[in-house]
Amino acid sequence: MDKHDKKIIELLDFITVDEFYVICYFRCSVKNKTVVSTVPLEPYAGKSRLKWSDIIFHPIKSYNIYFHPPVMIYGNECHETMVLKAFKKVSNYFRWSKRENKYLYN
């Protein structure tokens, strides 16, 4: 995760998740403007790691992990999270300010 990704998280006012969508509310504290972005709920693109012992002793849980991967709303190890995808959709409403060292509403 780079420094700009961290600054995107600072814009997050709140997130709503339903069974089909992730709705992110990005708010510029300087201009007090909020931009809403909706992205489809998608499973985590990373690999699920299963141990043989988990498969043998917890077969139902292992099945669910393998065939129904978790959703990555936001995390440090992935650059394609739902929050970052949502920000990309509305990024034209924001600009990077070197002086303020954060994103500002245009």
C-alpha atoms as a PDB file:
ATOM      1  CA  MET A   1       0.000   0.000   0.000  1.00  0.00           C
ATOM      2  CA  ASP A   2       1.410   3.379  -0.911  1.00  0.00           C
ATOM      3  CA  LYS A   3       1.004   6.710   0.852  1.00  0.00           C
ATOM      4  CA  HIS A   4      -1.812   7.824  -1.467  1.00  0.00           C
ATOM      5  CA  ASP A   5      -3.835   4.709  -0.574  1.00  0.00           C
ATOM      6  CA  LYS A   6      -3.625   5.712   3.088  1.00  0.00           C
ATOM      7  CA  LYS A   7      -4.861   9.182   2.209  1.00  0.00           C
ATOM      8  CA  ILE A   8      -7.858   7.651   0.400  1.00  0.00           C
ATOM      9  CA  ILE A   9      -8.801   5.877   3.611  1.00  0.00           C
ATOM     10  CA  GLU A  10      -8.688   9.226   5.420  1.00  0.00           C
ATOM     11  CA  LEU A  11     -11.432  10.435   3.042  1.00  0.00           C
ATOM     12  CA  LEU A  12     -13.789   7.623   4.049  1.00  0.00           C
ATOM     13  CA  ASP A  13     -16.709   8.909   6.059  1.00  0.00           C
ATOM     14  CA  PHE A  14     -18.517   5.563   6.211  1.00  0.00           C
ATOM     15  CA  ILE A  15     -19.251   2.402   4.221  1.00  0.00           C
ATOM     16  CA  THR A  16     -22.506   0.561   3.640  1.00  0.00           C
ATOM     17  CA  VAL A  17     -22.490  -3.071   2.508  1.00  0.00           C
ATOM     18  CA  ASP A  18     -25.508  -5.026   1.313  1.00  0.00           C
ATOM     19  CA  GLU A  19     -25.687  -8.381  -0.421  1.00  0.00           C
ATOM     20  CA  PHE A  20     -24.810  -6.927  -3.852  1.00  0.00           C
ATOM     21  CA  TYR A  21     -22.947  -3.634  -3.370  1.00  0.00           C
ATOM     22  CA  VAL A  22     -20.373  -1.745  -1.327  1.00  0.00           C
ATOM     23  CA  ILE A  23     -21.263   1.933  -1.007  1.00  0.00           C
ATOM     24  CA  CYS A  24     -18.431   4.236   0.049  1.00  0.00           C
ATOM     25  CA  TYR A  25     -18.898   7.811   1.210  1.00  0.00           C
ATOM     26  CA  PHE A  26     -15.756   9.888   0.639  1.00  0.00           C
ATOM     27  CA  ARG A  27     -15.761  13.242   2.439  1.00  0.00           C
ATOM     28  CA  CYS A  28     -13.379  16.154   2.001  1.00  0.00           C
ATOM     29  CA  SER A  29     -13.053  17.723   5.442  1.00  0.00           C
ATOM     30  CA  VAL A  30     -11.662  20.974   4.043  1.00  0.00           C
ATOM     31  CA  LYS A  31     -14.617  21.741   1.739  1.00  0.00           C
ATOM     32  CA  ASN A  32     -17.130  19.571   3.646  1.00  0.00           C
ATOM     33  CA  LYS A  33     -18.246  17.820   0.444  1.00  0.00           C
ATOM     34  CA  THR A  34     -19.210  14.151   0.200  1.00  0.00           C
ATOM     35  CA  VAL A  35     -19.031  11.956  -2.900  1.00  0.00           C
ATOM     36  CA  VAL A  36     -20.769   8.574  -2.969  1.00  0.00           C
ATOM     37  CA  SER A  37     -19.420   5.643  -4.959  1.00  0.00           C
ATOM     38  CA  THR A  38     -21.050   2.239  -5.445  1.00  0.00           C
ATOM     39  CA  VAL A  39     -19.184  -0.870  -6.573  1.00  0.00           C
ATOM     40  CA  PRO A  40     -20.409  -4.454  -6.914  1.00  0.00           C
ATOM     41  CA  LEU A  41     -19.550  -6.752  -4.045  1.00  0.00           C
ATOM     42  CA  GLU A  42     -16.769  -9.046  -5.277  1.00  0.00           C
ATOM     43  CA  PRO A  43     -14.867 -11.845  -3.573  1.00  0.00           C
ATOM     44  CA  TYR A  44     -11.270 -11.327  -2.533  1.00  0.00           C
ATOM     45  CA  ALA A  45      -8.945 -11.832  -5.511  1.00  0.00           C
ATOM     46  CA  GLY A  46      -6.137 -13.294  -3.398  1.00  0.00           C
ATOM     47  CA  LYS A  47      -5.575 -16.975  -2.788  1.00  0.00           C
ATOM     48  CA  SER A  48      -7.239 -18.792   0.083  1.00  0.00           C
ATOM     49  CA  ARG A  49      -4.727 -20.843   2.006  1.00  0.00           C
ATOM     50  CA  LEU A  50      -5.979 -24.131   3.353  1.00  0.00           C
ATOM     51  CA  LYS A  51      -3.984 -26.594   5.414  1.00  0.00           C
ATOM     52  CA  TRP A  52      -4.496 -30.326   5.091  1.00  0.00           C
ATOM     53  CA  SER A  53      -5.401 -30.472   8.765  1.00  0.00           C
ATOM     54  CA  ASP A  54      -8.155 -27.891   8.217  1.00  0.00           C
ATOM     55  CA  ILE A  55      -9.523 -29.843   5.249  1.00  0.00           C
ATOM     56  CA  ILE A  56      -9.599 -33.074   7.269  1.00  0.00           C
ATOM     57  CA  PHE A  57     -10.837 -31.719  10.615  1.00  0.00           C
ATOM     58  CA  HIS A  58     -12.991 -28.814   9.367  1.00  0.00           C
ATOM     59  CA  PRO A  59     -14.318 -29.875   5.951  1.00  0.00           C
ATOM     60  CA  ILE A  60     -17.388 -27.611   5.875  1.00  0.00           C
ATOM     61  CA  LYS A  61     -15.438 -24.526   6.896  1.00  0.00           C
ATOM     62  CA  SER A  62     -12.712 -25.400   4.351  1.00  0.00           C
ATOM     63  CA  TYR A  63     -15.320 -25.872   1.629  1.00  0.00           C
ATOM     64  CA  ASN A  64     -16.830 -22.459   2.373  1.00  0.00           C
ATOM     65  CA  ILE A  65     -13.440 -20.744   2.350  1.00  0.00           C
ATOM     66  CA  TYR A  66     -12.485 -22.344  -0.965  1.00  0.00           C
ATOM     67  CA  PHE A  67     -15.780 -21.948  -2.825  1.00  0.00           C
ATOM     68  CA  HIS A  68     -17.051 -18.784  -1.127  1.00  0.00           C
ATOM     69  CA  PRO A  69     -13.978 -16.592  -0.669  1.00  0.00           C
ATOM     70  CA  PRO A  70     -14.163 -13.655   1.724  1.00  0.00           C
ATOM     71  CA  VAL A  71     -14.810 -10.134   0.511  1.00  0.00           C
ATOM     72  CA  MET A  72     -11.928  -7.676   0.879  1.00  0.00           C
ATOM     73  CA  ILE A  73     -13.476  -4.327   1.733  1.00  0.00           C
ATOM     74  CA  TYR A  74     -10.087  -2.932   2.703  1.00  0.00           C
ATOM     75  CA  GLY A  75      -6.745  -4.460   3.643  1.00  0.00           C
ATOM     76  CA  ASN A  76      -3.032  -3.741   3.607  1.00  0.00           C
ATOM     77  CA  GLU A  77      -1.973  -6.699   1.464  1.00  0.00           C
ATOM     78  CA  CYS A  78      -4.219  -5.981  -1.516  1.00  0.00           C
ATOM     79  CA  HIS A  79      -4.296  -2.962  -3.827  1.00  0.00           C
ATOM     80  CA  GLU A  80      -7.597  -3.959  -5.441  1.00  0.00           C
ATOM     81  CA  THR A  81      -9.930  -3.629  -2.481  1.00  0.00           C
ATOM     82  CA  MET A  82     -13.526  -2.481  -2.718  1.00  0.00           C
ATOM     83  CA  VAL A  83     -12.655   0.912  -1.187  1.00  0.00           C
ATOM     84  CA  LEU A  84      -9.905   1.603  -3.725  1.00  0.00           C
ATOM     85  CA  LYS A  85     -12.114   0.485  -6.621  1.00  0.00           C
ATOM     86  CA  ALA A  86     -14.854   2.777  -5.344  1.00  0.00           C
ATOM     87  CA  PHE A  87     -12.427   5.697  -5.105  1.00  0.00           C
ATOM     88  CA  LYS A  88     -11.199   5.124  -8.675  1.00  0.00           C
ATOM     89  CA  LYS A  89     -14.790   5.561  -9.888  1.00  0.00           C
ATOM     90  CA  VAL A  90     -15.062   9.026  -8.293  1.00  0.00           C
ATOM     91  CA  SER A  91     -11.425  10.133  -8.321  1.00  0.00           C
ATOM     92  CA  ASN A  92     -12.181  12.887 -10.844  1.00  0.00           C
ATOM     93  CA  TYR A  93     -14.013  14.718  -8.035  1.00  0.00           C
ATOM     94  CA  PHE A  94     -10.780  14.942  -6.053  1.00  0.00           C
ATOM     95  CA  ARG A  95      -7.293  16.301  -6.640  1.00  0.00           C
ATOM     96  CA  TRP A  96      -4.053  15.658  -4.800  1.00  0.00           C
ATOM     97  CA  SER A  97      -2.743  18.648  -2.858  1.00  0.00           C
ATOM     98  CA  LYS A  98       0.994  18.523  -2.200  1.00  0.00           C
ATOM     99  CA  ARG A  99       0.724  21.465   0.158  1.00  0.00           C
ATOM    100  CA  GLU A 100      -1.985  19.823   2.290  1.00  0.00           C
ATOM    101  CA  ASN A 101      -0.621  16.316   1.667  1.00  0.00           C
ATOM    102  CA  LYS A 102      -4.107  14.901   1.024  1.00  0.00           C
ATOM    103  CA  TYR A 103      -6.906  14.642  -1.479  1.00  0.00           C
ATOM    104  CA  LEU A 104      -9.215  17.643  -1.726  1.00  0.00           C
ATOM    105  CA  TYR A 105     -12.584  18.028  -3.384  1.00  0.00           C
ATOM    106  CA  ASN A 106     -12.267  19.894  -6.719  1.00  0.00           C
END
